[in-house]
Structure formats: C-alpha cells, structure tokens
Amino acid sequence: MDLEYQNQNSSQTLREAIEEYHRYLTHIGRQILTDSPEDTDPIWLYHDATHAIFGQDTTIEGEAALDFWVFFGTTFSWKLLKKYQQLPEIKDLSRAVVSELGITFIPKLYWRNKRALGTVIRHTRRMKKKWPFELPSTLLDRRLNDLREEYGITVLTSEQKVPSRLTEFDYSIVSEIPQAELPVTYRS
C-alpha cells in the first residue's frame, strides 16, 4: 500500500505526512504512540518524522530499513536511541519478536533485506546533509519535496523495498486496539 508521503515528490508538509502516517496506523489497527507533554525529547515525534521523511512503512522490513536510515542518515544520539530502547512499548515489541520469531530473527531479517539495506546506505552517502533526528519544530510545516531536496534524500521505490521474503508478524501482540475506519490518503 503506497501512501502519499512515500512519493519522492510529495508536496505534503512534514506535519501532514506524519498525520497521514498516523491515519495509516489507525487504519491497520495499530496504536499511535505519543509523547507526554512534559517530555523534553518527544521521541515518538522524532520516530514518526523519520518514517515520513524517508518514506518507510511499518512492516518489519520497513522498520529494518528505517534503522539503517537513522544510523547512517541522521544526527541521532546514542543517548536518545538508548531512551527509545527503554520505552515500554519497544521492550514489549522486542520480547514479542523474539518470542514469535526467535532470537536469530533480526540478523536473518537484515540478511534477507541486504539489497534494500544496501540501497539505503548508498542513498545516505549521497545525502547533502544528515537529517536532524532531534526534529526542530520549524521543519514540520515545510513540504516533503523541499526537505528531501535540501537534505538530498531519495526514498526507496516500491521495487527497491521488496525483500527476498516477507515476514508475517501479528502486531496485535503489542498493539491491541480496534480496527478504525478512517480514510487514508493513497497515492495512485
């Protein structure tokens, strides 16, 4: 399923792209995780913004590609990544993945997706500058196509995202919410 923010030349603002990403999560029955108002590092906003700017979906393969975008194409800090790993939702997801798919799943996932992950690395090396993981609020109202041009971001095409084998994983283990019938903006 292609979403508008996954289009390289999307004219959505980053804020609109994040909203579309949230509608998509709701549409597929996933919980939208949000930061508390008093949190000085809105890590879920940072995370969701990376999905939008790099055009990634929420399949396990898309999350693996996003890992590589973040490591090689952003100004992430180890402190924030450690904080992210300590979030209860991420701990639950990690336990569920290991329980359902086994301890060796993550290395196998990266191996099966080496072509897409290699493309991500090549794309990050061609970027003009790294994306600010700690997102300045001034970027939220800028258009994706302008931001991607400024930072030299080239999102993966649908063909480049195809893994050697798709992983079936039931996210309801960690995201129990009812299926909502909200409209999602699709790219034709």
N, C-alpha and C. Protein backbone atom coordinates (compact mmCIF):
# COMPACT_ATOMS: atom_id res chain seq x y z
N MET A 1 0.85 -1.16 0.00
CA MET A 1 0.00 0.00 0.00
C MET A 1 0.90 1.23 0.00
N ASP A 2 0.80 2.05 -1.04
CA ASP A 2 1.59 3.26 -1.12
C ASP A 2 0.82 4.43 -0.52
N LEU A 3 1.48 5.17 0.31
CA LEU A 3 0.92 6.37 0.92
C LEU A 3 1.57 7.58 0.27
N GLU A 4 0.91 8.71 0.32
CA GLU A 4 1.42 9.90 -0.35
C GLU A 4 2.82 10.28 0.13
N TYR A 5 3.08 10.16 1.44
CA TYR A 5 4.39 10.56 1.94
C TYR A 5 5.51 9.67 1.41
N GLN A 6 5.16 8.50 0.85
CA GLN A 6 6.17 7.61 0.28
C GLN A 6 6.57 8.02 -1.14
N ASN A 7 5.86 8.99 -1.70
CA ASN A 7 6.17 9.52 -3.02
C ASN A 7 7.33 10.51 -2.88
N GLN A 8 8.38 10.31 -3.64
CA GLN A 8 9.56 11.17 -3.58
C GLN A 8 9.20 12.65 -3.69
N ASN A 9 8.25 12.97 -4.55
CA ASN A 9 7.91 14.37 -4.82
C ASN A 9 6.64 14.82 -4.10
N SER A 10 6.32 14.19 -2.98
CA SER A 10 5.13 14.56 -2.23
C SER A 10 5.19 16.04 -1.84
N SER A 11 4.08 16.73 -2.04
CA SER A 11 4.02 18.15 -1.67
C SER A 11 3.40 18.34 -0.28
N GLN A 12 3.15 17.25 0.44
CA GLN A 12 2.66 17.35 1.81
C GLN A 12 3.70 18.05 2.67
N THR A 13 3.23 18.72 3.71
CA THR A 13 4.19 19.19 4.72
C THR A 13 4.59 17.98 5.56
N LEU A 14 5.66 18.12 6.29
CA LEU A 14 6.08 17.03 7.17
C LEU A 14 4.98 16.74 8.19
N ARG A 15 4.34 17.77 8.69
CA ARG A 15 3.24 17.58 9.65
C ARG A 15 2.10 16.78 9.01
N GLU A 16 1.72 17.11 7.78
CA GLU A 16 0.66 16.38 7.08
C GLU A 16 1.07 14.93 6.83
N ALA A 17 2.34 14.72 6.53
CA ALA A 17 2.84 13.36 6.29
C ALA A 17 2.77 12.53 7.57
N ILE A 18 3.12 13.13 8.69
CA ILE A 18 3.03 12.42 9.98
C ILE A 18 1.57 12.11 10.30
N GLU A 19 0.67 13.05 10.00
CA GLU A 19 -0.75 12.80 10.22
C GLU A 19 -1.25 11.66 9.33
N GLU A 20 -0.78 11.62 8.08
CA GLU A 20 -1.15 10.51 7.20
C GLU A 20 -0.61 9.19 7.74
N TYR A 21 0.62 9.20 8.22
CA TYR A 21 1.22 8.01 8.84
C TYR A 21 0.37 7.55 10.02
N HIS A 22 -0.11 8.48 10.84
CA HIS A 22 -0.96 8.13 11.98
C HIS A 22 -2.30 7.55 11.53
N ARG A 23 -2.90 8.14 10.47
CA ARG A 23 -4.15 7.59 9.95
C ARG A 23 -3.93 6.17 9.44
N TYR A 24 -2.80 5.95 8.79
CA TYR A 24 -2.46 4.61 8.30
C TYR A 24 -2.34 3.63 9.46
N LEU A 25 -1.65 4.03 10.52
CA LEU A 25 -1.52 3.14 11.69
C LEU A 25 -2.89 2.78 12.24
N THR A 26 -3.75 3.76 12.37
CA THR A 26 -5.10 3.52 12.88
C THR A 26 -5.86 2.59 11.94
N HIS A 27 -5.74 2.84 10.65
CA HIS A 27 -6.44 2.04 9.64
C HIS A 27 -6.05 0.56 9.71
N ILE A 28 -4.78 0.28 10.00
CA ILE A 28 -4.33 -1.11 10.07
C ILE A 28 -4.42 -1.68 11.48
N GLY A 29 -5.04 -0.93 12.40
CA GLY A 29 -5.28 -1.44 13.74
C GLY A 29 -4.11 -1.33 14.69
N ARG A 30 -3.22 -0.41 14.42
CA ARG A 30 -2.08 -0.20 15.32
C ARG A 30 -2.30 1.02 16.18
N GLN A 31 -1.70 0.98 17.33
CA GLN A 31 -1.79 2.08 18.27
C GLN A 31 -0.84 3.20 17.84
N ILE A 32 -1.31 4.46 17.96
CA ILE A 32 -0.44 5.61 17.72
C ILE A 32 0.20 5.95 19.06
N LEU A 33 1.50 5.84 19.10
CA LEU A 33 2.22 6.11 20.35
C LEU A 33 2.60 7.58 20.38
N THR A 34 2.34 8.23 21.52
CA THR A 34 2.59 9.66 21.62
C THR A 34 3.46 9.96 22.84
N ASP A 35 4.09 11.11 22.77
CA ASP A 35 4.94 11.58 23.85
C ASP A 35 4.09 12.31 24.89
N SER A 36 4.55 12.31 26.12
CA SER A 36 3.85 13.09 27.15
C SER A 36 4.22 14.56 26.96
N PRO A 37 3.30 15.46 27.29
CA PRO A 37 3.55 16.89 27.08
C PRO A 37 4.80 17.41 27.79
N GLU A 38 5.14 16.81 28.90
CA GLU A 38 6.31 17.28 29.65
C GLU A 38 7.63 16.65 29.19
N ASP A 39 7.57 15.78 28.21
CA ASP A 39 8.79 15.12 27.71
C ASP A 39 9.63 16.12 26.92
N THR A 40 10.87 16.30 27.33
CA THR A 40 11.76 17.25 26.65
C THR A 40 12.30 16.68 25.34
N ASP A 41 12.27 15.38 25.19
CA ASP A 41 12.67 14.72 23.95
C ASP A 41 11.47 13.95 23.42
N PRO A 42 10.66 14.55 22.55
CA PRO A 42 9.47 13.85 22.03
C PRO A 42 9.89 12.75 21.05
N ILE A 43 10.34 11.64 21.60
CA ILE A 43 10.97 10.58 20.79
C ILE A 43 10.01 9.96 19.79
N TRP A 44 8.71 9.86 20.13
CA TRP A 44 7.77 9.30 19.16
C TRP A 44 7.58 10.24 17.98
N LEU A 45 7.59 11.55 18.23
CA LEU A 45 7.52 12.51 17.12
C LEU A 45 8.76 12.35 16.24
N TYR A 46 9.93 12.26 16.85
CA TYR A 46 11.16 12.08 16.08
C TYR A 46 11.08 10.81 15.23
N HIS A 47 10.61 9.73 15.86
CA HIS A 47 10.49 8.44 15.17
C HIS A 47 9.51 8.54 13.99
N ASP A 48 8.33 9.09 14.25
CA ASP A 48 7.31 9.19 13.21
C ASP A 48 7.77 10.09 12.07
N ALA A 49 8.51 11.14 12.40
CA ALA A 49 9.04 12.04 11.36
C ALA A 49 10.03 11.30 10.46
N THR A 50 10.80 10.36 11.01
CA THR A 50 11.73 9.60 10.16
C THR A 50 10.96 8.68 9.21
N HIS A 51 9.87 8.10 9.67
CA HIS A 51 9.03 7.30 8.76
C HIS A 51 8.58 8.18 7.59
N ALA A 52 8.14 9.40 7.90
CA ALA A 52 7.60 10.29 6.88
C ALA A 52 8.69 10.79 5.93
N ILE A 53 9.78 11.31 6.45
CA ILE A 53 10.80 11.92 5.58
C ILE A 53 11.50 10.87 4.72
N PHE A 54 11.70 9.66 5.26
CA PHE A 54 12.38 8.61 4.50
C PHE A 54 11.40 7.70 3.76
N GLY A 55 10.08 7.94 3.90
CA GLY A 55 9.08 7.22 3.12
C GLY A 55 8.93 5.75 3.49
N GLN A 56 9.14 5.41 4.74
CA GLN A 56 9.09 4.00 5.15
C GLN A 56 7.74 3.62 5.76
N ASP A 57 7.35 2.36 5.54
CA ASP A 57 6.12 1.84 6.12
C ASP A 57 6.43 1.17 7.45
N THR A 58 5.47 0.41 7.98
CA THR A 58 5.64 -0.19 9.30
C THR A 58 5.77 -1.71 9.26
N THR A 59 6.04 -2.27 8.08
CA THR A 59 6.34 -3.69 8.07
C THR A 59 7.65 -3.89 8.82
N ILE A 60 7.93 -5.10 9.23
CA ILE A 60 9.20 -5.35 9.90
C ILE A 60 10.36 -5.00 8.97
N GLU A 61 10.18 -5.28 7.68
CA GLU A 61 11.22 -4.94 6.71
C GLU A 61 11.39 -3.42 6.59
N GLY A 62 10.26 -2.69 6.63
CA GLY A 62 10.33 -1.22 6.59
C GLY A 62 10.99 -0.66 7.82
N GLU A 63 10.73 -1.28 8.98
CA GLU A 63 11.39 -0.83 10.21
C GLU A 63 12.89 -1.11 10.16
N ALA A 64 13.26 -2.24 9.57
CA ALA A 64 14.69 -2.55 9.42
C ALA A 64 15.37 -1.51 8.53
N ALA A 65 14.72 -1.16 7.43
CA ALA A 65 15.27 -0.12 6.54
C ALA A 65 15.37 1.20 7.29
N LEU A 66 14.36 1.52 8.09
CA LEU A 66 14.38 2.76 8.86
C LEU A 66 15.55 2.78 9.85
N ASP A 67 15.86 1.62 10.44
CA ASP A 67 17.04 1.53 11.31
C ASP A 67 18.28 2.03 10.57
N PHE A 68 18.45 1.59 9.33
CA PHE A 68 19.63 1.97 8.55
C PHE A 68 19.58 3.44 8.16
N TRP A 69 18.39 3.95 7.81
CA TRP A 69 18.25 5.38 7.54
C TRP A 69 18.69 6.19 8.76
N VAL A 70 18.22 5.78 9.94
CA VAL A 70 18.53 6.52 11.17
C VAL A 70 20.02 6.44 11.48
N PHE A 71 20.61 5.24 11.43
CA PHE A 71 22.03 5.09 11.77
C PHE A 71 22.95 5.83 10.80
N PHE A 72 22.65 5.77 9.52
CA PHE A 72 23.55 6.34 8.52
C PHE A 72 23.14 7.70 7.99
N GLY A 73 21.87 8.09 8.15
CA GLY A 73 21.40 9.31 7.51
C GLY A 73 20.85 10.38 8.44
N THR A 74 21.00 10.19 9.76
CA THR A 74 20.51 11.22 10.69
C THR A 74 21.59 11.59 11.70
N THR A 75 21.30 12.62 12.46
CA THR A 75 22.19 13.07 13.52
C THR A 75 21.77 12.46 14.86
N PHE A 76 21.37 11.21 14.85
CA PHE A 76 20.88 10.56 16.07
C PHE A 76 21.95 10.62 17.16
N SER A 77 21.50 10.48 18.40
CA SER A 77 22.45 10.37 19.51
C SER A 77 22.24 9.02 20.18
N TRP A 78 23.31 8.45 20.69
CA TRP A 78 23.20 7.16 21.38
C TRP A 78 22.32 7.30 22.61
N LYS A 79 22.34 8.47 23.24
CA LYS A 79 21.52 8.70 24.42
C LYS A 79 20.03 8.56 24.07
N LEU A 80 19.61 9.18 22.96
CA LEU A 80 18.21 9.06 22.57
C LEU A 80 17.85 7.65 22.11
N LEU A 81 18.77 7.00 21.40
CA LEU A 81 18.48 5.62 20.98
C LEU A 81 18.35 4.70 22.18
N LYS A 82 19.16 4.93 23.21
CA LYS A 82 19.04 4.14 24.44
C LYS A 82 17.68 4.41 25.10
N LYS A 83 17.29 5.69 25.13
CA LYS A 83 15.99 6.04 25.70
C LYS A 83 14.86 5.35 24.92
N TYR A 84 14.97 5.34 23.60
CA TYR A 84 13.98 4.68 22.74
C TYR A 84 13.89 3.20 23.09
N GLN A 85 15.03 2.54 23.23
CA GLN A 85 15.06 1.11 23.54
C GLN A 85 14.47 0.80 24.93
N GLN A 86 14.45 1.80 25.80
CA GLN A 86 13.93 1.61 27.15
C GLN A 86 12.42 1.86 27.25
N LEU A 87 11.81 2.37 26.17
CA LEU A 87 10.37 2.61 26.20
C LEU A 87 9.62 1.28 26.38
N PRO A 88 8.60 1.26 27.23
CA PRO A 88 7.87 0.00 27.48
C PRO A 88 7.34 -0.63 26.19
N GLU A 89 6.85 0.18 25.25
CA GLU A 89 6.29 -0.35 24.01
C GLU A 89 7.37 -1.04 23.17
N ILE A 90 8.56 -0.49 23.16
CA ILE A 90 9.66 -1.08 22.38
C ILE A 90 10.15 -2.35 23.07
N LYS A 91 10.21 -2.33 24.39
CA LYS A 91 10.59 -3.56 25.12
C LYS A 91 9.58 -4.67 24.84
N ASP A 92 8.27 -4.33 24.87
CA ASP A 92 7.24 -5.32 24.59
C ASP A 92 7.36 -5.87 23.17
N LEU A 93 7.59 -4.97 22.22
CA LEU A 93 7.74 -5.39 20.82
C LEU A 93 8.96 -6.31 20.67
N SER A 94 10.06 -5.94 21.29
CA SER A 94 11.28 -6.77 21.20
C SER A 94 11.04 -8.16 21.77
N ARG A 95 10.36 -8.22 22.93
CA ARG A 95 10.05 -9.52 23.53
C ARG A 95 9.13 -10.33 22.63
N ALA A 96 8.14 -9.67 22.03
CA ALA A 96 7.20 -10.37 21.15
C ALA A 96 7.90 -10.91 19.91
N VAL A 97 8.79 -10.11 19.32
CA VAL A 97 9.52 -10.56 18.14
C VAL A 97 10.36 -11.79 18.47
N VAL A 98 11.09 -11.74 19.58
CA VAL A 98 11.92 -12.89 19.98
C VAL A 98 11.04 -14.10 20.28
N SER A 99 9.92 -13.87 20.98
CA SER A 99 9.03 -14.97 21.32
C SER A 99 8.42 -15.63 20.09
N GLU A 100 7.96 -14.80 19.14
CA GLU A 100 7.27 -15.32 17.96
C GLU A 100 8.22 -15.79 16.86
N LEU A 101 9.34 -15.10 16.70
CA LEU A 101 10.20 -15.34 15.54
C LEU A 101 11.58 -15.88 15.88
N GLY A 102 11.94 -15.84 17.15
CA GLY A 102 13.22 -16.41 17.57
C GLY A 102 14.33 -15.38 17.72
N ILE A 103 15.32 -15.74 18.50
CA ILE A 103 16.43 -14.85 18.84
C ILE A 103 17.29 -14.50 17.63
N THR A 104 17.34 -15.38 16.64
CA THR A 104 18.18 -15.13 15.46
C THR A 104 17.44 -14.38 14.35
N PHE A 105 16.20 -13.98 14.62
CA PHE A 105 15.40 -13.35 13.58
C PHE A 105 16.01 -12.06 13.04
N ILE A 106 16.46 -11.17 13.91
CA ILE A 106 16.94 -9.85 13.46
C ILE A 106 18.12 -9.99 12.50
N PRO A 107 19.15 -10.76 12.81
CA PRO A 107 20.22 -10.91 11.82
C PRO A 107 19.71 -11.52 10.50
N LYS A 108 18.80 -12.47 10.58
CA LYS A 108 18.23 -13.06 9.37
C LYS A 108 17.43 -12.02 8.58
N LEU A 109 16.70 -11.18 9.29
CA LEU A 109 15.92 -10.12 8.65
C LEU A 109 16.85 -9.19 7.86
N TYR A 110 17.93 -8.77 8.49
CA TYR A 110 18.87 -7.88 7.80
C TYR A 110 19.50 -8.59 6.61
N TRP A 111 19.81 -9.86 6.76
CA TRP A 111 20.41 -10.61 5.65
C TRP A 111 19.43 -10.72 4.48
N ARG A 112 18.18 -11.09 4.77
CA ARG A 112 17.17 -11.23 3.71
C ARG A 112 16.90 -9.91 3.00
N ASN A 113 17.16 -8.81 3.67
CA ASN A 113 16.87 -7.50 3.10
C ASN A 113 18.13 -6.73 2.74
N LYS A 114 19.21 -7.46 2.54
CA LYS A 114 20.50 -6.80 2.29
C LYS A 114 20.49 -5.91 1.06
N ARG A 115 19.72 -6.27 0.04
CA ARG A 115 19.67 -5.43 -1.16
C ARG A 115 19.05 -4.07 -0.84
N ALA A 116 17.91 -4.05 -0.16
CA ALA A 116 17.25 -2.79 0.21
C ALA A 116 18.11 -2.01 1.20
N LEU A 117 18.70 -2.71 2.16
CA LEU A 117 19.51 -2.03 3.16
C LEU A 117 20.77 -1.43 2.54
N GLY A 118 21.35 -2.13 1.56
CA GLY A 118 22.50 -1.59 0.83
C GLY A 118 22.11 -0.34 0.04
N THR A 119 20.91 -0.36 -0.52
CA THR A 119 20.42 0.81 -1.25
C THR A 119 20.24 1.98 -0.29
N VAL A 120 19.71 1.71 0.91
CA VAL A 120 19.57 2.78 1.91
C VAL A 120 20.94 3.37 2.22
N ILE A 121 21.93 2.52 2.45
CA ILE A 121 23.28 3.03 2.77
C ILE A 121 23.80 3.90 1.62
N ARG A 122 23.63 3.44 0.38
CA ARG A 122 24.07 4.25 -0.77
C ARG A 122 23.34 5.58 -0.82
N HIS A 123 22.04 5.56 -0.55
CA HIS A 123 21.26 6.80 -0.56
C HIS A 123 21.74 7.75 0.54
N THR A 124 22.06 7.21 1.71
CA THR A 124 22.52 8.09 2.80
C THR A 124 23.88 8.70 2.48
N ARG A 125 24.72 7.98 1.77
CA ARG A 125 26.04 8.52 1.40
C ARG A 125 25.92 9.65 0.38
N ARG A 126 24.82 9.67 -0.36
CA ARG A 126 24.60 10.72 -1.36
C ARG A 126 23.84 11.92 -0.80
N MET A 127 23.41 11.84 0.45
CA MET A 127 22.67 12.95 1.05
C MET A 127 23.58 14.18 1.14
N LYS A 128 22.98 15.36 1.02
CA LYS A 128 23.72 16.62 1.12
C LYS A 128 24.09 16.92 2.56
N LYS A 129 23.21 16.54 3.47
CA LYS A 129 23.46 16.68 4.91
C LYS A 129 22.55 15.72 5.65
N LYS A 130 22.94 15.38 6.86
CA LYS A 130 22.16 14.42 7.64
C LYS A 130 20.87 15.06 8.16
N TRP A 131 19.83 14.23 8.20
CA TRP A 131 18.54 14.66 8.73
C TRP A 131 18.67 14.82 10.24
N PRO A 132 18.13 15.93 10.81
CA PRO A 132 18.21 16.12 12.27
C PRO A 132 17.23 15.20 13.00
N PHE A 133 17.77 14.18 13.65
CA PHE A 133 16.89 13.24 14.36
C PHE A 133 16.09 13.98 15.43
N GLU A 134 16.73 14.89 16.16
CA GLU A 134 16.02 15.72 17.13
C GLU A 134 15.39 16.86 16.34
N LEU A 135 14.18 16.62 15.93
CA LEU A 135 13.47 17.42 14.94
C LEU A 135 13.16 18.84 15.40
N PRO A 136 13.70 19.85 14.71
CA PRO A 136 13.28 21.23 15.03
C PRO A 136 11.84 21.43 14.56
N SER A 137 11.02 22.06 15.36
CA SER A 137 9.61 22.23 15.02
C SER A 137 9.43 23.05 13.74
N THR A 138 10.42 23.84 13.37
CA THR A 138 10.33 24.65 12.14
C THR A 138 10.23 23.79 10.89
N LEU A 139 10.66 22.53 10.96
CA LEU A 139 10.59 21.66 9.79
C LEU A 139 9.20 21.07 9.57
N LEU A 140 8.36 21.07 10.58
CA LEU A 140 7.05 20.43 10.49
C LEU A 140 6.16 21.04 9.41
N ASP A 141 6.30 22.32 9.16
CA ASP A 141 5.43 22.98 8.18
C ASP A 141 6.10 23.20 6.84
N ARG A 142 7.19 22.49 6.61
CA ARG A 142 7.86 22.55 5.31
C ARG A 142 7.43 21.34 4.47
N ARG A 143 7.42 21.52 3.16
CA ARG A 143 6.99 20.46 2.25
C ARG A 143 8.05 19.36 2.14
N LEU A 144 7.57 18.11 2.07
CA LEU A 144 8.49 16.97 1.97
C LEU A 144 9.42 17.10 0.78
N ASN A 145 8.87 17.46 -0.39
CA ASN A 145 9.73 17.53 -1.57
C ASN A 145 10.83 18.58 -1.39
N ASP A 146 10.55 19.69 -0.73
CA ASP A 146 11.57 20.70 -0.47
C ASP A 146 12.61 20.20 0.54
N LEU A 147 12.14 19.54 1.59
CA LEU A 147 13.06 18.99 2.60
C LEU A 147 13.95 17.91 1.98
N ARG A 148 13.36 17.04 1.19
CA ARG A 148 14.14 15.97 0.55
C ARG A 148 15.17 16.55 -0.40
N GLU A 149 14.82 17.61 -1.10
CA GLU A 149 15.79 18.27 -1.98
C GLU A 149 16.92 18.90 -1.15
N GLU A 150 16.55 19.60 -0.10
CA GLU A 150 17.56 20.26 0.74
C GLU A 150 18.54 19.28 1.37
N TYR A 151 18.03 18.15 1.86
CA TYR A 151 18.87 17.17 2.54
C TYR A 151 19.42 16.11 1.59
N GLY A 152 18.95 16.08 0.36
CA GLY A 152 19.42 15.08 -0.60
C GLY A 152 18.88 13.69 -0.32
N ILE A 153 17.65 13.62 0.16
CA ILE A 153 17.02 12.34 0.50
C ILE A 153 16.30 11.78 -0.72
N THR A 154 16.63 10.54 -1.07
CA THR A 154 15.93 9.82 -2.13
C THR A 154 15.28 8.60 -1.50
N VAL A 155 13.95 8.60 -1.44
CA VAL A 155 13.25 7.47 -0.81
C VAL A 155 13.36 6.23 -1.69
N LEU A 156 13.23 5.08 -1.07
CA LEU A 156 13.25 3.83 -1.83
C LEU A 156 11.99 3.73 -2.68
N THR A 157 12.14 3.21 -3.87
CA THR A 157 10.97 2.92 -4.71
C THR A 157 10.31 1.64 -4.20
N SER A 158 9.12 1.38 -4.67
CA SER A 158 8.43 0.13 -4.28
C SER A 158 9.27 -1.09 -4.65
N GLU A 159 9.90 -1.04 -5.82
CA GLU A 159 10.74 -2.17 -6.27
C GLU A 159 11.96 -2.35 -5.37
N GLN A 160 12.53 -1.27 -4.89
CA GLN A 160 13.71 -1.37 -4.04
C GLN A 160 13.37 -1.88 -2.64
N LYS A 161 12.13 -1.76 -2.23
CA LYS A 161 11.71 -2.20 -0.90
C LYS A 161 11.42 -3.69 -0.82
N VAL A 162 11.30 -4.37 -1.95
CA VAL A 162 10.87 -5.76 -1.96
C VAL A 162 11.93 -6.65 -1.31
N PRO A 163 11.57 -7.33 -0.21
CA PRO A 163 12.52 -8.24 0.44
C PRO A 163 12.54 -9.59 -0.28
N SER A 164 13.55 -10.38 0.04
CA SER A 164 13.61 -11.72 -0.55
C SER A 164 12.47 -12.59 -0.02
N ARG A 165 12.01 -12.29 1.20
CA ARG A 165 10.86 -12.99 1.78
C ARG A 165 10.21 -12.06 2.79
N LEU A 166 8.90 -11.89 2.70
CA LEU A 166 8.18 -11.02 3.61
C LEU A 166 7.93 -11.74 4.93
N THR A 167 8.08 -11.05 6.02
CA THR A 167 7.88 -11.62 7.34
C THR A 167 6.43 -11.42 7.77
N GLU A 168 5.79 -12.48 8.17
CA GLU A 168 4.45 -12.39 8.74
C GLU A 168 4.61 -12.24 10.25
N PHE A 169 4.05 -11.16 10.78
CA PHE A 169 4.13 -10.92 12.22
C PHE A 169 2.84 -10.27 12.67
N ASP A 170 2.24 -10.78 13.72
CA ASP A 170 0.98 -10.26 14.24
C ASP A 170 1.27 -9.19 15.29
N TYR A 171 1.17 -7.93 14.86
CA TYR A 171 1.43 -6.82 15.77
C TYR A 171 0.40 -6.70 16.87
N SER A 172 -0.73 -7.39 16.75
CA SER A 172 -1.75 -7.28 17.80
C SER A 172 -1.21 -7.77 19.14
N ILE A 173 -0.13 -8.53 19.11
CA ILE A 173 0.51 -8.97 20.35
C ILE A 173 0.90 -7.77 21.19
N VAL A 174 1.30 -6.69 20.53
CA VAL A 174 1.76 -5.49 21.25
C VAL A 174 0.90 -4.27 20.99
N SER A 175 -0.14 -4.40 20.20
CA SER A 175 -0.95 -3.24 19.84
C SER A 175 -2.42 -3.62 19.75
N GLU A 176 -3.06 -3.74 20.86
CA GLU A 176 -4.46 -4.17 20.91
C GLU A 176 -5.40 -2.97 20.87
N ILE A 177 -5.80 -2.55 19.67
CA ILE A 177 -6.81 -1.50 19.54
C ILE A 177 -7.79 -1.94 18.45
N PRO A 178 -9.02 -1.46 18.51
CA PRO A 178 -10.00 -1.86 17.49
C PRO A 178 -9.67 -1.26 16.13
N GLN A 179 -10.03 -1.98 15.09
CA GLN A 179 -9.84 -1.51 13.71
C GLN A 179 -10.73 -0.30 13.47
N ALA A 180 -10.17 0.80 13.04
CA ALA A 180 -10.95 2.01 12.78
C ALA A 180 -11.14 2.17 11.27
N GLU A 181 -12.19 2.81 10.92
CA GLU A 181 -12.49 3.06 9.51
C GLU A 181 -12.19 4.50 9.16
N LEU A 182 -10.95 4.91 9.29
CA LEU A 182 -10.56 6.27 8.94
C LEU A 182 -9.98 6.27 7.54
N PRO A 183 -10.24 7.35 6.79
CA PRO A 183 -9.68 7.41 5.43
C PRO A 183 -8.17 7.58 5.46
N VAL A 184 -7.53 6.97 4.51
CA VAL A 184 -6.09 7.09 4.35
C VAL A 184 -5.85 7.65 2.96
N THR A 185 -4.94 8.60 2.85
CA THR A 185 -4.62 9.17 1.55
C THR A 185 -3.69 8.23 0.81
N TYR A 186 -4.15 7.70 -0.30
CA TYR A 186 -3.34 6.77 -1.08
C TYR A 186 -2.80 7.47 -2.31
N ARG A 187 -1.68 7.01 -2.78
CA ARG A 187 -1.10 7.55 -4.00
C ARG A 187 -1.55 6.67 -5.13
N SER A 188 -2.00 7.26 -6.21
CA SER A 188 -2.45 6.45 -7.34
C SER A 188 -1.34 6.17 -8.31
